[in-house]
C-alpha cells in the first residue's frame, strides 16, 4: 500500500513539474502594447473624429474637445491631456476616464497623437 502511495506522489509531482513552465509562461504573459492609432480608433474616434476636430454627431452632442484648435493646443499641458485621458473630464461635456482600459505607455502615446492634431 505504501509503495502505491509513493508511486502516486512521484507521478503526480512529475506531472506538476512538466506543466509548471506552461502555467508560468501563460500567467506572466502580458498582451502587447497597442499603437496610439489602434487605441484612438477604439476609444476616441466616436467623439473626437478621425481628424481630432470632434465634428461627429456624438462629439457635437457631448461637446467633445476640438483637438485641432491651435489656441487649445497652446494652452493645454501634456500632463492635463494625460490626466483627461486617464481620469476623464466633466467640463463642457462628459468624457469618461480610460485608466482601466489603457496603460501608462499607451496613454503617453495618445498624448503625442493628440499633439499631432494641431492645425
C-alpha atoms as a PDB file:
ATOM      1  CA  UNK A   1       0.000   0.000   0.000  1.00  0.00           C
ATOM      2  CA  UNK A   2       2.807   2.397   0.931  1.00  0.00           C
ATOM      3  CA  UNK A   3       4.523   1.652  -2.377  1.00  0.00           C
ATOM      4  CA  UNK A   4       1.354   2.684  -4.284  1.00  0.00           C
ATOM      5  CA  UNK A   5       1.175   5.984  -2.377  1.00  0.00           C
ATOM      6  CA  UNK A   6       4.851   6.775  -3.124  1.00  0.00           C
ATOM      7  CA  UNK A   7       4.350   5.903  -6.780  1.00  0.00           C
ATOM      8  CA  UNK A   8       1.274   8.126  -6.957  1.00  0.00           C
ATOM      9  CA  UNK A   9       3.126  11.037  -5.313  1.00  0.00           C
ATOM     10  CA  UNK A  10       6.136  10.697  -7.636  1.00  0.00           C
ATOM     11  CA  UNK A  11       3.944  10.541 -10.749  1.00  0.00           C
ATOM     12  CA  UNK A  12       1.854  13.497  -9.534  1.00  0.00           C
ATOM     13  CA  UNK A  13       4.976  15.552  -8.833  1.00  0.00           C
ATOM     14  CA  UNK A  14       6.356  14.731 -12.281  1.00  0.00           C
ATOM     15  CA  UNK A  15       3.110  15.832 -13.940  1.00  0.00           C
ATOM     16  CA  UNK A  16       3.063  19.099 -11.984  1.00  0.00           C
ATOM     17  CA  UNK A  17       6.705  19.811 -12.829  1.00  0.00           C
ATOM     18  CA  UNK A  18       6.034  19.182 -16.522  1.00  0.00           C
ATOM     19  CA  UNK A  19       3.047  21.542 -16.529  1.00  0.00           C
ATOM     20  CA  UNK A  20       4.634  24.262 -14.384  1.00  0.00           C
ATOM     21  CA  UNK A  21       6.601  26.008 -17.189  1.00  0.00           C
ATOM     22  CA  UNK A  22       3.413  26.291 -19.263  1.00  0.00           C
ATOM     23  CA  UNK A  23       1.462  27.700 -16.350  1.00  0.00           C
ATOM     24  CA  UNK A  24       4.159  30.293 -15.575  1.00  0.00           C
ATOM     25  CA  UNK A  25       4.510  31.486 -19.158  1.00  0.00           C
ATOM     26  CA  UNK A  26       0.768  31.856 -19.582  1.00  0.00           C
ATOM     27  CA  UNK A  27       0.248  33.668 -16.270  1.00  0.00           C
ATOM     28  CA  UNK A  28       3.086  36.136 -16.723  1.00  0.00           C
ATOM     29  CA  UNK A  29       2.459  36.866 -20.395  1.00  0.00           C
ATOM     30  CA  UNK A  30       1.153  40.371 -20.975  1.00  0.00           C
ATOM     31  CA  UNK A  31      -0.649  41.453 -24.097  1.00  0.00           C
ATOM     32  CA  UNK A  32       1.455  43.526 -26.462  1.00  0.00           C
ATOM     33  CA  UNK A  33       1.017  47.278 -26.277  1.00  0.00           C
ATOM     34  CA  UNK A  34      -1.349  48.688 -28.844  1.00  0.00           C
ATOM     35  CA  UNK A  35      -0.401  51.593 -31.058  1.00  0.00           C
ATOM     36  CA  UNK A  36      -1.838  55.028 -30.391  1.00  0.00           C
ATOM     37  CA  UNK A  37      -3.793  54.776 -33.658  1.00  0.00           C
ATOM     38  CA  UNK A  38      -5.374  51.482 -32.557  1.00  0.00           C
ATOM     39  CA  UNK A  39      -6.345  52.902 -29.176  1.00  0.00           C
ATOM     40  CA  UNK A  40      -7.652  56.127 -30.685  1.00  0.00           C
ATOM     41  CA  UNK A  41      -9.748  54.192 -33.201  1.00  0.00           C
ATOM     42  CA  UNK A  42     -11.247  52.076 -30.449  1.00  0.00           C
ATOM     43  CA  UNK A  43     -11.927  54.622 -27.716  1.00  0.00           C
ATOM     44  CA  UNK A  44     -11.699  58.159 -29.111  1.00  0.00           C
ATOM     45  CA  UNK A  45     -12.807  58.377 -32.724  1.00  0.00           C
ATOM     46  CA  UNK A  46     -16.519  58.141 -31.881  1.00  0.00           C
ATOM     47  CA  UNK A  47     -16.463  61.571 -30.244  1.00  0.00           C
ATOM     48  CA  UNK A  48     -13.287  63.254 -31.485  1.00  0.00           C
ATOM     49  CA  UNK A  49     -13.443  62.007 -35.081  1.00  0.00           C
ATOM     50  CA  UNK A  50     -10.599  60.627 -37.182  1.00  0.00           C
ATOM     51  CA  UNK A  51      -9.009  64.073 -37.521  1.00  0.00           C
ATOM     52  CA  UNK A  52      -9.486  65.194 -33.888  1.00  0.00           C
ATOM     53  CA  UNK A  53     -11.904  68.001 -34.801  1.00  0.00           C
ATOM     54  CA  UNK A  54     -14.849  66.458 -32.899  1.00  0.00           C
ATOM     55  CA  UNK A  55     -17.289  67.034 -35.751  1.00  0.00           C
ATOM     56  CA  UNK A  56     -19.025  63.676 -35.265  1.00  0.00           C
ATOM     57  CA  UNK A  57     -22.677  63.613 -34.176  1.00  0.00           C
ATOM     58  CA  UNK A  58     -21.677  62.144 -30.816  1.00  0.00           C
ATOM     59  CA  UNK A  59     -18.853  64.677 -30.461  1.00  0.00           C
ATOM     60  CA  UNK A  60     -21.149  67.604 -31.172  1.00  0.00           C
ATOM     61  CA  UNK A  61     -23.775  66.306 -28.756  1.00  0.00           C
ATOM     62  CA  UNK A  62     -21.268  65.763 -25.949  1.00  0.00           C
ATOM     63  CA  UNK A  63     -19.284  68.947 -26.665  1.00  0.00           C
ATOM     64  CA  UNK A  64     -16.083  66.950 -27.221  1.00  0.00           C
ATOM     65  CA  UNK A  65     -12.881  68.981 -27.377  1.00  0.00           C
ATOM     66  CA  UNK A  66     -11.662  70.049 -30.824  1.00  0.00           C
ATOM     67  CA  UNK A  67      -8.082  68.873 -30.545  1.00  0.00           C
ATOM     68  CA  UNK A  68      -7.086  70.626 -33.783  1.00  0.00           C
ATOM     69  CA  UNK A  69      -7.588  74.070 -32.207  1.00  0.00           C
ATOM     70  CA  UNK A  70      -4.191  75.819 -32.046  1.00  0.00           C
ATOM     71  CA  UNK A  71      -5.186  78.022 -29.084  1.00  0.00           C
ATOM     72  CA  UNK A  72      -6.243  74.992 -27.052  1.00  0.00           C
ATOM     73  CA  UNK A  73      -3.036  73.195 -28.030  1.00  0.00           C
ATOM     74  CA  UNK A  74      -1.021  76.223 -26.812  1.00  0.00           C
ATOM     75  CA  UNK A  75      -2.895  76.430 -23.505  1.00  0.00           C
ATOM     76  CA  UNK A  76      -3.076  72.754 -22.516  1.00  0.00           C
ATOM     77  CA  UNK A  77      -0.159  70.831 -20.993  1.00  0.00           C
ATOM     78  CA  UNK A  78       0.769  67.257 -21.775  1.00  0.00           C
ATOM     79  CA  UNK A  79       0.026  66.458 -18.136  1.00  0.00           C
ATOM     80  CA  UNK A  80      -3.529  67.776 -18.456  1.00  0.00           C
ATOM     81  CA  UNK A  81      -4.120  65.766 -21.627  1.00  0.00           C
ATOM     82  CA  UNK A  82      -2.720  62.674 -19.886  1.00  0.00           C
ATOM     83  CA  UNK A  83      -4.963  63.261 -16.839  1.00  0.00           C
ATOM     84  CA  UNK A  84      -8.023  63.822 -19.035  1.00  0.00           C
ATOM     85  CA  UNK A  85      -7.433  60.527 -20.840  1.00  0.00           C
ATOM     86  CA  UNK A  86      -6.807  58.698 -17.584  1.00  0.00           C
ATOM     87  CA  UNK A  87      -9.479  60.216 -15.340  1.00  0.00           C
ATOM     88  CA  UNK A  88     -11.966  61.738 -17.778  1.00  0.00           C
ATOM     89  CA  UNK A  89     -13.387  65.264 -17.780  1.00  0.00           C
ATOM     90  CA  UNK A  90     -16.689  66.794 -16.753  1.00  0.00           C
ATOM     91  CA  UNK A  91     -16.096  70.232 -18.255  1.00  0.00           C
ATOM     92  CA  UNK A  92     -18.151  71.276 -21.300  1.00  0.00           C
ATOM     93  CA  UNK A  93     -19.230  67.648 -21.728  1.00  0.00           C
ATOM     94  CA  UNK A  94     -18.678  64.297 -20.120  1.00  0.00           C
ATOM     95  CA  UNK A  95     -15.573  62.373 -21.178  1.00  0.00           C
ATOM     96  CA  UNK A  96     -15.079  59.036 -19.433  1.00  0.00           C
ATOM     97  CA  UNK A  97     -11.725  58.048 -17.961  1.00  0.00           C
ATOM     98  CA  UNK A  98      -9.797  55.183 -19.506  1.00  0.00           C
ATOM     99  CA  UNK A  99      -7.404  54.231 -16.683  1.00  0.00           C
ATOM    100  CA  UNK A 100      -8.864  50.720 -16.564  1.00  0.00           C
ATOM    101  CA  UNK A 101      -8.552  50.225 -20.329  1.00  0.00           C
ATOM    102  CA  UNK A 102      -5.299  51.936 -21.335  1.00  0.00           C
ATOM    103  CA  UNK A 103      -1.919  51.516 -19.656  1.00  0.00           C
ATOM    104  CA  UNK A 104       0.567  54.319 -18.933  1.00  0.00           C
ATOM    105  CA  UNK A 105       2.686  53.813 -22.053  1.00  0.00           C
ATOM    106  CA  UNK A 106      -0.408  53.724 -24.262  1.00  0.00           C
ATOM    107  CA  UNK A 107      -1.730  56.902 -22.643  1.00  0.00           C
ATOM    108  CA  UNK A 108       1.590  58.666 -23.258  1.00  0.00           C
ATOM    109  CA  UNK A 109       1.446  57.637 -26.916  1.00  0.00           C
ATOM    110  CA  UNK A 110      -2.084  59.061 -27.141  1.00  0.00           C
ATOM    111  CA  UNK A 111      -0.842  62.386 -25.742  1.00  0.00           C
ATOM    112  CA  UNK A 112       1.706  62.509 -28.570  1.00  0.00           C
ATOM    113  CA  UNK A 113      -1.021  61.668 -31.089  1.00  0.00           C
ATOM    114  CA  UNK A 114      -3.287  64.425 -29.720  1.00  0.00           C
ATOM    115  CA  UNK A 115      -0.438  66.907 -30.149  1.00  0.00           C
ATOM    116  CA  UNK A 116      -0.235  65.844 -33.796  1.00  0.00           C
ATOM    117  CA  UNK A 117      -3.827  67.015 -34.444  1.00  0.00           C
ATOM    118  CA  UNK A 118      -2.839  70.693 -34.152  1.00  0.00           C
ATOM    119  CA  UNK A 119      -3.723  72.775 -37.215  1.00  0.00           C
END
